[in-house]
Protein backbone atom coordinates (compact mmCIF):
# COMPACT_ATOMS: atom_id res chain seq x y z
CA UNK A 1 -7.33 -18.17 -0.48
CA UNK A 2 -3.97 -19.91 -0.80
CA UNK A 3 -1.78 -21.32 1.98
CA UNK A 4 1.09 -19.30 2.94
CA UNK A 5 3.90 -19.60 5.57
CA UNK A 6 5.73 -16.55 6.61
CA UNK A 7 9.44 -16.83 7.65
CA UNK A 8 11.44 -13.96 9.15
CA UNK A 9 14.31 -15.57 10.99
CA UNK A 10 15.87 -12.74 13.12
CA UNK A 11 12.42 -10.96 13.59
CA UNK A 12 11.27 -13.62 15.94
CA UNK A 13 8.53 -14.93 13.74
CA UNK A 14 9.14 -18.53 12.56
CA UNK A 15 5.99 -19.30 10.66
CA UNK A 16 2.32 -18.71 10.23
CA UNK A 17 -0.78 -21.16 10.23
CA UNK A 18 -4.31 -20.62 8.78
CA UNK A 19 -3.41 -17.91 6.30
CA UNK A 20 -5.84 -15.89 4.60
CA UNK A 21 -5.19 -13.57 1.61
CA UNK A 22 -7.34 -10.50 1.33
CA UNK A 23 -7.76 -7.46 -0.76
CA UNK A 24 -8.61 -3.97 0.70
CA UNK A 25 -10.33 -1.53 -1.84
CA UNK A 26 -7.90 1.41 -1.89
CA UNK A 27 -10.47 4.07 -2.01
CA UNK A 28 -8.89 6.93 -0.22
CA UNK A 29 -5.59 5.05 0.02
CA UNK A 30 -4.31 6.81 -3.01
CA UNK A 31 -2.86 10.11 -1.77
CA UNK A 32 0.27 9.90 -3.63
CA UNK A 33 -1.49 9.22 -6.88
CA UNK A 34 -3.90 12.07 -6.11
CA UNK A 35 -0.87 14.34 -5.54
CA UNK A 36 0.79 13.29 -8.91
CA UNK A 37 -2.50 13.85 -10.68
CA UNK A 38 -2.85 17.39 -9.22
CA UNK A 39 0.79 18.24 -10.20
CA UNK A 40 0.10 16.93 -13.74
CA UNK A 41 -2.87 18.93 -14.12
CA UNK A 42 -1.15 22.10 -12.94
CA UNK A 43 1.63 21.45 -15.46
CA UNK A 44 -0.87 20.88 -18.05
CA UNK A 45 -2.62 24.30 -17.26
CA UNK A 46 0.58 26.16 -17.23
CA UNK A 47 1.61 24.51 -20.58
CA UNK A 48 -1.65 25.39 -22.11
CA UNK A 49 -1.37 29.09 -21.06
CA UNK A 50 2.32 29.25 -22.61
CA UNK A 51 1.11 27.81 -25.81
CA UNK A 52 -1.70 30.25 -26.11
CA UNK A 53 0.48 33.15 -25.27
CA UNK A 54 3.16 31.93 -27.90
CA UNK A 55 0.46 31.48 -30.45
CA UNK A 56 -1.06 34.95 -29.63
CA UNK A 57 2.48 36.56 -30.03
CA UNK A 58 3.03 34.85 -33.31
CA UNK A 59 -0.36 36.05 -34.76
CA UNK A 60 0.23 39.45 -33.55
CA UNK A 61 3.69 39.55 -35.23
CA UNK A 62 2.30 38.07 -38.34
CA UNK A 63 -0.70 40.78 -38.62
CA UNK A 64 1.94 43.63 -37.71
CA UNK A 65 4.31 42.68 -40.50
CA UNK A 66 1.62 41.77 -43.27
CA UNK A 67 3.43 41.13 -46.57
CA UNK A 68 6.06 43.73 -45.68
CA UNK A 69 8.84 43.36 -43.22
CA UNK A 70 12.61 43.11 -43.52
CA UNK A 71 14.62 39.87 -43.68
CA UNK A 72 15.26 40.04 -39.85
CA UNK A 73 11.62 40.67 -39.18
CA UNK A 74 10.63 37.70 -41.38
CA UNK A 75 13.08 35.57 -39.36
CA UNK A 76 11.69 36.79 -36.00
CA UNK A 77 8.19 35.62 -37.19
CA UNK A 78 9.42 32.32 -38.17
CA UNK A 79 11.23 31.80 -34.84
CA UNK A 80 8.02 32.93 -33.01
CA UNK A 81 5.86 30.57 -34.95
CA UNK A 82 8.29 27.59 -34.41
CA UNK A 83 8.09 28.46 -30.67
CA UNK A 84 4.42 28.43 -30.74
CA UNK A 85 4.32 24.99 -32.41
CA UNK A 86 6.75 23.63 -29.79
CA UNK A 87 4.77 25.03 -26.91
CA UNK A 88 1.55 23.65 -28.52
CA UNK A 89 3.18 20.18 -28.87
CA UNK A 90 4.38 20.14 -25.22
CA UNK A 91 0.89 21.26 -23.98
CA UNK A 92 -0.72 18.42 -25.91
CA UNK A 93 1.72 15.98 -24.37
CA UNK A 94 1.03 17.07 -20.83
CA UNK A 95 -2.63 17.13 -21.49
CA UNK A 96 -2.58 13.46 -22.45
CA UNK A 97 -0.57 12.72 -19.47
CA UNK A 98 -2.89 14.34 -17.17
CA UNK A 99 -5.93 12.66 -18.59
CA UNK A 100 -4.23 9.23 -18.20
CA UNK A 101 -3.58 9.93 -14.52
CA UNK A 102 -7.13 11.19 -13.96
CA UNK A 103 -8.47 8.07 -15.62
CA UNK A 104 -6.08 5.80 -13.41
CA UNK A 105 -7.19 7.50 -10.36
CA UNK A 106 -10.78 6.60 -11.04
CA UNK A 107 -9.94 3.01 -11.68
CA UNK A 108 -10.82 0.64 -8.85
CA UNK A 109 -7.72 -0.65 -7.10
CA UNK A 110 -6.96 -3.03 -4.23
CA UNK A 111 -4.23 -3.63 -1.76
CA UNK A 112 -3.48 -7.21 -1.14
CA UNK A 113 -2.42 -8.42 2.37
CA UNK A 114 -2.13 -11.66 4.14
CA UNK A 115 -3.16 -12.72 7.81
CA UNK A 116 -1.90 -15.81 9.60
CA UNK A 117 -1.43 -17.25 13.10
CA UNK A 118 2.07 -17.22 14.56
CA UNK A 119 1.81 -20.81 16.08
CA UNK A 120 5.46 -21.03 16.83
CA UNK A 121 5.67 -17.81 18.96
CA UNK A 122 2.28 -16.12 19.57
CA UNK A 123 3.70 -13.32 21.66
CA UNK A 124 5.15 -11.88 18.31
CA UNK A 125 2.01 -10.61 16.54
CA UNK A 126 0.99 -7.52 14.76
CA UNK A 127 1.35 -6.13 11.05
CA UNK A 128 4.31 -6.12 9.06
CA UNK A 129 4.11 -2.95 6.66
CA UNK A 130 6.21 -2.89 3.66
CA UNK A 131 6.67 -0.06 1.05
CA UNK A 132 7.66 -1.25 -2.23
CA UNK A 133 9.16 -4.44 -0.52
CA UNK A 134 10.99 -2.52 1.94
CA UNK A 135 10.10 -3.26 5.58
CA UNK A 136 8.94 0.06 7.23
CA UNK A 137 6.84 -1.09 10.39
CA UNK A 138 6.86 -4.34 12.10
CA UNK A 139 4.51 -5.74 14.87
CA UNK A 140 2.16 -2.79 14.25
CA UNK A 141 -1.17 -3.92 16.19
CA UNK A 142 -4.42 -3.01 14.78
CA UNK A 143 -8.17 -3.45 15.57
CA UNK A 144 -8.85 -6.02 18.29
CA UNK A 145 -5.00 -6.30 19.12
CA UNK A 146 -5.20 -2.98 20.69
CA UNK A 147 -8.02 -3.89 23.05
CA UNK A 148 -5.83 -5.78 25.47
CA UNK A 149 -7.97 -8.96 25.38
CA UNK A 150 -7.35 -12.28 23.55
CA UNK A 151 -8.91 -11.18 20.21
CA UNK A 152 -6.31 -10.96 17.49
CA UNK A 153 -3.31 -12.20 19.70
CA UNK A 154 -1.04 -14.40 17.73
CA UNK A 155 -2.16 -12.99 14.28
CA UNK A 156 0.50 -11.66 11.92
CA UNK A 157 -0.30 -9.40 8.96
CA UNK A 158 1.70 -8.81 5.89
CA UNK A 159 1.00 -5.80 3.51
CA UNK A 160 3.06 -4.29 0.84
CA UNK A 161 1.98 -0.76 0.15
CA UNK A 162 3.13 0.76 -3.18
CA UNK A 163 4.80 4.09 -3.22
CA UNK A 164 1.90 5.85 -4.87
CA UNK A 165 -0.30 4.86 -2.07
CA UNK A 166 1.79 5.86 0.81
CA UNK A 167 5.23 7.55 0.69
CA UNK A 168 7.88 6.76 3.34
CA UNK A 169 9.63 9.41 5.33
CA UNK A 170 13.39 10.18 4.40
CA UNK A 171 14.72 7.88 6.81
CA UNK A 172 12.42 5.10 5.74
CA UNK A 173 11.39 4.47 9.36
CA UNK A 174 7.81 5.82 8.98
CA UNK A 175 5.21 7.08 6.46
CA UNK A 176 5.01 10.73 5.46
CA UNK A 177 1.27 11.13 5.73
CA UNK A 178 0.27 9.97 9.18
CA UNK A 179 -3.37 10.39 8.42
CA UNK A 180 -3.41 8.11 5.34
CA UNK A 181 -1.30 5.52 7.26
CA UNK A 182 -3.92 5.55 10.13
CA UNK A 183 -6.63 4.86 7.48
CA UNK A 184 -4.61 1.96 6.39
CA UNK A 185 -4.20 0.66 9.88
CA UNK A 186 -8.21 0.97 10.54
CA UNK A 187 -8.94 -0.89 7.35
CA UNK A 188 -6.51 -3.79 8.41
CA UNK A 189 -8.22 -3.73 11.89
CA UNK A 190 -11.54 -4.18 10.24
CA UNK A 191 -10.38 -7.16 8.19
CA UNK A 192 -8.50 -8.67 11.06
CA UNK A 193 -11.70 -8.74 13.03
CA UNK A 194 -13.30 -10.80 10.08
CA UNK A 195 -10.29 -12.95 9.91
CA UNK A 196 -10.47 -13.72 13.71
CA UNK A 197 -14.05 -15.07 13.25
CA UNK A 198 -12.98 -17.53 10.41
CA UNK A 199 -9.48 -18.47 11.42
CA UNK A 200 -10.39 -21.36 13.69
CA UNK A 201 -9.32 -19.85 16.92
CA UNK A 202 -12.92 -19.25 18.36
CA UNK A 203 -16.21 -20.75 17.99
CA UNK A 204 -18.17 -18.48 15.61
CA UNK A 205 -21.39 -19.37 17.31
CA UNK A 206 -20.15 -18.81 21.05
CA UNK A 207 -17.16 -16.74 20.69
CA UNK A 208 -15.32 -18.89 22.88
CA UNK A 209 -12.49 -21.41 22.63
CA UNK A 210 -9.46 -19.30 22.45
CA UNK A 211 -7.72 -20.95 25.36
CA UNK A 212 -8.47 -24.52 24.07
CA UNK A 213 -7.17 -23.62 20.67
CA UNK A 214 -3.74 -22.42 22.07
CA UNK A 215 -3.54 -25.31 24.45
CA UNK A 216 -3.41 -27.60 21.44
CA UNK A 217 -0.15 -26.24 20.56
CA UNK A 218 1.54 -26.15 24.10
CA UNK A 219 0.32 -22.80 25.32
CA UNK A 220 -1.59 -23.42 28.69
CA UNK A 221 -2.24 -19.96 30.14
CA UNK A 222 -3.70 -16.48 29.12
CA UNK A 223 -0.31 -15.02 29.63
CA UNK A 224 0.40 -14.00 25.98
CA UNK A 225 4.02 -13.53 26.65
CA UNK A 226 4.37 -17.26 27.70
CA UNK A 227 6.76 -19.48 25.62
CA UNK A 228 5.15 -22.70 24.22
CA UNK A 229 5.75 -26.11 25.79
CA UNK A 230 8.80 -27.89 24.21
CA UNK A 231 7.42 -31.29 24.85
CA UNK A 232 8.10 -33.40 21.86
CA UNK A 233 4.23 -33.92 21.05
CA UNK A 234 3.62 -30.18 21.23
CA UNK A 235 6.66 -29.31 19.18
CA UNK A 236 5.74 -32.04 16.58
CA UNK A 237 2.08 -30.58 16.44
CA UNK A 238 3.16 -27.09 15.68
CA UNK A 239 5.50 -28.14 12.90
CA UNK A 240 2.77 -30.44 11.51
CA UNK A 241 0.40 -27.52 11.21
CA UNK A 242 3.09 -25.53 9.53
CA UNK A 243 3.87 -28.10 6.86
CA UNK A 244 0.25 -29.09 5.83
CA UNK A 245 -0.41 -27.50 2.47
CA UNK A 246 1.69 -24.44 3.02
CA UNK A 247 3.88 -22.53 0.57
CA UNK A 248 7.07 -20.77 1.89
CA UNK A 249 7.42 -17.01 1.11
CA UNK A 250 10.27 -14.76 2.52
CA UNK A 251 9.51 -11.63 4.46
């Protein structure tokens, strides 16, 4: 995974350390795409019905007239035949569109997100959830962060969800489908649990070491709202960790 530094300025987050980029298989996180596919299939079905009806009307009119018929009746037949051709053309276009959407829905897709430790201000932690690069939710706690212990404290997550996966509400303050959003948060929580085991905060063998890790950066108690020490050596150490092999990206 590539190194990443998150910088949000006014949000209270200064940076991240120990970043890890991960992909979530979308699986059921494709409600918007499913909805569009369903609508495309319905449009295709209606267009096919219109095309069959127009073709049937044109055939019946042609059989009724035979070789006879007045000039006006022959004109009526040509109009009916052109209408049937246009309806069939529209139906074929919508059929191809529906087929592409069905195929796309079956293709495996992933949702990319990043975890990192907020060394500068560990009391600010949780997920930043974007929709098409627009921030919808911030400091949304997931998985072990909801348990009230030390697990996951200080971890920031950033995920940018496309519109087809989750649609925002009209005021852009939440997501329209609460069930799908909870599914996303559960998936993030599961991956956060894994990240917590590999990010260097805890000893993977014993599960301990959280306090010692934070003490290295000037946090000396288990009060997670505590500000870090401003002693020069700790300020320097926090800055050194942030600048070692990291690339800046805006949030």
